[in-house]
Protein backbone atom coordinates (compact mmCIF):
# COMPACT_ATOMS: atom_id res chain seq x y z
CA UNK A 1 -2.40 -3.02 -19.27
CA UNK A 2 -5.91 -4.10 -20.27
CA UNK A 3 -9.03 -2.96 -18.40
CA UNK A 4 -9.48 -6.50 -17.07
CA UNK A 5 -6.14 -6.11 -15.27
CA UNK A 6 -7.19 -2.77 -13.77
CA UNK A 7 -9.87 -3.27 -11.12
CA UNK A 8 -11.11 0.05 -9.71
CA UNK A 9 -9.16 1.33 -6.72
CA UNK A 10 -9.90 3.88 -4.00
CA UNK A 11 -6.75 5.75 -2.98
CA UNK A 12 -6.14 8.47 -0.40
CA UNK A 13 -3.71 11.24 -1.28
CA UNK A 14 -2.22 13.43 1.44
CA UNK A 15 -1.22 16.62 -0.37
CA UNK A 16 -1.64 20.27 0.62
CA UNK A 17 -1.06 21.61 -2.91
CA UNK A 18 -4.54 21.41 -4.51
CA UNK A 19 -3.36 21.92 -8.08
CA UNK A 20 -1.11 18.86 -7.89
CA UNK A 21 -3.90 16.75 -6.42
CA UNK A 22 -6.47 17.88 -8.99
CA UNK A 23 -4.11 17.22 -11.88
CA UNK A 24 -3.28 13.72 -10.70
CA UNK A 25 -6.91 12.96 -9.86
CA UNK A 26 -7.89 13.84 -13.43
CA UNK A 27 -5.13 11.65 -14.92
CA UNK A 28 -6.00 8.64 -12.75
CA UNK A 29 -9.66 8.57 -13.76
CA UNK A 30 -11.63 6.36 -14.30
CA UNK A 31 -9.76 3.41 -12.80
CA UNK A 32 -8.65 5.10 -9.59
CA UNK A 33 -10.82 7.29 -7.36
CA UNK A 34 -8.53 9.70 -5.55
CA UNK A 35 -9.56 11.45 -2.32
CA UNK A 36 -7.38 14.11 -0.76
CA UNK A 37 -6.40 15.16 2.75
CA UNK A 38 -4.47 18.45 3.03
CA UNK A 39 -2.98 17.62 6.42
CA UNK A 40 -2.24 14.80 8.85
CA UNK A 41 -5.36 15.26 10.98
CA UNK A 42 -7.68 15.06 7.96
CA UNK A 43 -5.81 12.02 6.66
CA UNK A 44 -6.23 10.13 9.94
CA UNK A 45 -9.91 11.03 10.08
CA UNK A 46 -10.54 9.77 6.54
CA UNK A 47 -8.54 6.58 7.15
CA UNK A 48 -10.62 5.80 10.23
CA UNK A 49 -13.89 6.49 8.43
CA UNK A 50 -13.49 4.44 5.26
CA UNK A 51 -11.42 1.79 3.50
CA UNK A 52 -8.70 2.73 1.04
CA UNK A 53 -6.64 0.42 -1.15
CA UNK A 54 -3.48 2.52 -0.87
CA UNK A 55 -2.16 5.93 0.13
CA UNK A 56 -0.04 8.53 -1.69
CA UNK A 57 1.64 10.83 0.81
CA UNK A 58 3.55 14.05 0.38
CA UNK A 59 6.20 14.57 3.05
CA UNK A 60 6.11 18.38 3.35
CA UNK A 61 2.79 18.87 5.16
CA UNK A 62 1.37 21.63 7.37
CA UNK A 63 2.06 23.22 9.72
CA UNK A 64 5.87 23.18 9.39
CA UNK A 65 6.08 21.94 5.78
CA UNK A 66 9.17 19.99 6.78
CA UNK A 67 9.38 16.22 6.35
CA UNK A 68 8.54 15.72 10.03
CA UNK A 69 4.76 15.69 9.50
CA UNK A 70 4.81 13.36 6.52
CA UNK A 71 7.22 10.90 8.11
CA UNK A 72 5.22 10.92 11.33
CA UNK A 73 2.02 10.07 9.46
CA UNK A 74 3.66 7.25 7.50
CA UNK A 75 5.25 5.78 10.63
CA UNK A 76 1.93 5.88 12.47
CA UNK A 77 0.15 3.98 9.69
CA UNK A 78 2.95 1.45 9.19
CA UNK A 79 2.94 0.58 12.89
CA UNK A 80 -0.86 0.26 13.09
CA UNK A 81 -1.47 -3.33 12.04
CA UNK A 82 -5.25 -2.94 11.99
CA UNK A 83 -5.18 0.02 9.58
CA UNK A 84 -1.92 -0.50 7.69
CA UNK A 85 -2.10 -0.15 3.92
CA UNK A 86 0.36 0.16 1.02
CA UNK A 87 1.98 3.60 0.89
CA UNK A 88 3.85 5.49 -1.81
CA UNK A 89 5.65 8.65 -0.76
CA UNK A 90 5.43 11.49 -3.30
CA UNK A 91 8.00 14.15 -2.51
CA UNK A 92 9.94 16.99 -4.08
CA UNK A 93 12.31 17.21 -1.11
CA UNK A 94 15.94 16.16 -1.43
CA UNK A 95 16.38 12.62 -0.18
CA UNK A 96 19.43 11.03 1.37
CA UNK A 97 20.53 7.53 2.31
CA UNK A 98 19.11 7.81 5.84
CA UNK A 99 15.67 8.76 4.54
CA UNK A 100 15.65 5.91 2.02
CA UNK A 101 16.85 3.41 4.61
CA UNK A 102 13.87 4.41 6.74
CA UNK A 103 11.46 3.87 3.84
CA UNK A 104 13.02 0.50 3.04
CA UNK A 105 12.67 -0.59 6.64
CA UNK A 106 8.98 0.29 6.50
CA UNK A 107 8.51 -1.21 3.02
CA UNK A 108 7.19 2.17 1.89
CA UNK A 109 7.76 3.05 -1.77
CA UNK A 110 8.73 6.45 -3.16
CA UNK A 111 8.22 8.45 -6.36
CA UNK A 112 10.05 11.76 -6.65
CA UNK A 113 7.84 14.58 -7.92
CA UNK A 114 10.76 16.09 -9.84
CA UNK A 115 10.65 13.00 -12.07
CA UNK A 116 7.25 14.35 -13.21
CA UNK A 117 5.48 10.98 -13.24
CA UNK A 118 2.43 10.72 -15.48
CA UNK A 119 -0.90 9.47 -14.17
CA UNK A 120 -0.31 6.17 -15.97
CA UNK A 121 3.07 5.76 -14.26
CA UNK A 122 1.60 6.51 -10.83
CA UNK A 123 -1.22 4.05 -11.45
CA UNK A 124 1.26 1.37 -12.50
CA UNK A 125 3.33 2.00 -9.36
CA UNK A 126 0.23 1.71 -7.15
CA UNK A 127 -0.74 -1.60 -8.73
CA UNK A 128 2.82 -2.92 -8.33
CA UNK A 129 2.86 -1.96 -4.66
CA UNK A 130 -0.51 -3.64 -4.13
CA UNK A 131 1.05 -6.84 -5.46
CA UNK A 132 3.87 -6.61 -2.94
CA UNK A 133 6.54 -4.82 -4.98
CA UNK A 134 8.81 -2.12 -3.54
CA UNK A 135 9.17 0.92 -5.82
CA UNK A 136 11.80 3.67 -5.75
CA UNK A 137 12.05 6.16 -8.61
CA UNK A 138 15.53 7.36 -7.66
CA UNK A 139 18.43 6.83 -5.26
CA UNK A 140 21.15 9.24 -4.10
CA UNK A 141 24.27 8.22 -6.02
CA UNK A 142 26.58 8.89 -3.08
CA UNK A 143 24.62 6.64 -0.78
CA UNK A 144 24.04 3.60 -2.98
CA UNK A 145 26.33 1.16 -1.10
CA UNK A 146 24.85 2.14 2.27
CA UNK A 147 21.27 2.01 1.00
CA UNK A 148 21.81 -1.35 -0.67
CA UNK A 149 23.30 -2.85 2.47
CA UNK A 150 20.29 -1.75 4.50
CA UNK A 151 17.68 -2.96 2.03
CA UNK A 152 15.39 -5.68 3.39
CA UNK A 153 15.94 -9.12 1.98
CA UNK A 154 13.63 -9.83 -0.97
CA UNK A 155 10.69 -11.99 -0.06
CA UNK A 156 9.48 -14.85 -2.22
CA UNK A 157 6.37 -15.30 -0.10
CA UNK A 158 3.10 -14.20 -1.62
CA UNK A 159 1.28 -14.12 1.74
CA UNK A 160 2.22 -13.20 5.28
CA UNK A 161 1.92 -15.92 7.91
CA UNK A 162 -1.39 -14.46 9.11
CA UNK A 163 -2.88 -14.07 5.63
CA UNK A 164 -1.84 -17.62 4.77
CA UNK A 165 -3.70 -18.87 7.86
CA UNK A 166 -6.76 -16.80 6.91
CA UNK A 167 -6.64 -18.13 3.35
CA UNK A 168 -6.36 -21.73 4.56
CA UNK A 169 -9.31 -21.45 6.97
CA UNK A 170 -11.40 -19.68 4.32
CA UNK A 171 -10.65 -22.28 1.66
CA UNK A 172 -10.19 -25.57 3.47
CA UNK A 173 -12.99 -25.15 6.02
CA UNK A 174 -15.22 -22.52 4.42
CA UNK A 175 -15.18 -20.40 7.59
CA UNK A 176 -16.73 -16.94 7.75
CA UNK A 177 -14.66 -13.89 8.71
CA UNK A 178 -16.15 -14.04 12.21
CA UNK A 179 -15.25 -17.71 12.61
CA UNK A 180 -11.71 -17.14 11.33
CA UNK A 181 -11.27 -14.23 13.76
CA UNK A 182 -12.31 -16.46 16.66
CA UNK A 183 -10.05 -19.30 15.50
CA UNK A 184 -6.98 -17.04 15.13
CA UNK A 185 -7.71 -14.81 18.12
CA UNK A 186 -7.77 -11.59 16.11
CA UNK A 187 -10.35 -8.92 15.31
CA UNK A 188 -12.87 -9.57 12.55
CA UNK A 189 -11.78 -6.35 10.82
CA UNK A 190 -8.23 -7.75 10.64
CA UNK A 191 -9.60 -10.85 8.90
CA UNK A 192 -11.57 -8.67 6.48
CA UNK A 193 -8.43 -6.73 5.56
CA UNK A 194 -6.51 -9.98 5.17
CA UNK A 195 -9.16 -11.34 2.79
CA UNK A 196 -8.92 -8.13 0.76
CA UNK A 197 -5.13 -8.52 0.52
CA UNK A 198 -5.60 -12.13 -0.57
CA UNK A 199 -8.02 -11.04 -3.30
CA UNK A 200 -5.47 -8.48 -4.58
CA UNK A 201 -2.52 -10.89 -4.49
CA UNK A 202 -4.43 -13.63 -6.33
CA UNK A 203 -6.27 -11.24 -8.67
CA UNK A 204 -9.73 -12.59 -7.79
CA UNK A 205 -12.98 -10.82 -7.01
CA UNK A 206 -14.89 -13.27 -4.79
CA UNK A 207 -14.46 -15.91 -2.10
CA UNK A 208 -15.48 -18.62 -4.58
CA UNK A 209 -12.70 -17.56 -6.97
CA UNK A 210 -10.26 -17.38 -4.05
CA UNK A 211 -11.13 -20.94 -2.99
CA UNK A 212 -10.62 -22.16 -6.53
CA UNK A 213 -7.23 -20.37 -6.66
CA UNK A 214 -6.24 -21.98 -3.34
CA UNK A 215 -6.86 -25.51 -4.52
CA UNK A 216 -5.11 -24.86 -7.83
CA UNK A 217 -1.98 -23.43 -6.17
CA UNK A 218 -1.80 -24.62 -2.58
CA UNK A 219 0.86 -27.26 -3.33
CA UNK A 220 3.23 -24.39 -4.14
CA UNK A 221 2.97 -23.11 -0.55
CA UNK A 222 2.82 -26.31 1.49
């Protein structure tokens, strides 16, 4: 992957084991800036205070160090449309078919720590997830038929219905985020996040480039 294909990313990691965080932070430099939250409360505070491109979340978090805390955090973020972001679960806990069915239903990816992923592999997984891919590093062999039957149907759509509407207003009418928010009846921050997703999906860095991409490809979506 060339540097031109690796725009800088800001990622939040939720991990209470500082040595693991520091090691991964070092390996992800310089293309990914990795912040860390050692618990759920700190993670929610950081997510409300600044924008992140994605989140890496351990499941065994304080105070119980069971999977309850990690799953609760992931569910809260997935169900919060205004602050939702791509998530990859990093866990060393044993996983079963029920756990993986839950992740699939949320479209949350997973990398097992026991697979000892390198920084380059984690970075590649993050960039895949940002492009809409669903990543699992392993499946329980005994549960494969059940997991497969519960997997969400693959989507061929590059944009959600809302993001498509945002993209169309931005490109066809040249509307500002505020104007698009008024037109669609949503918050301006939701438009801003939609524009950011559009930039990632189309691999552009500006509204002008996005408009050019729209007119070059719109026939594929109409």
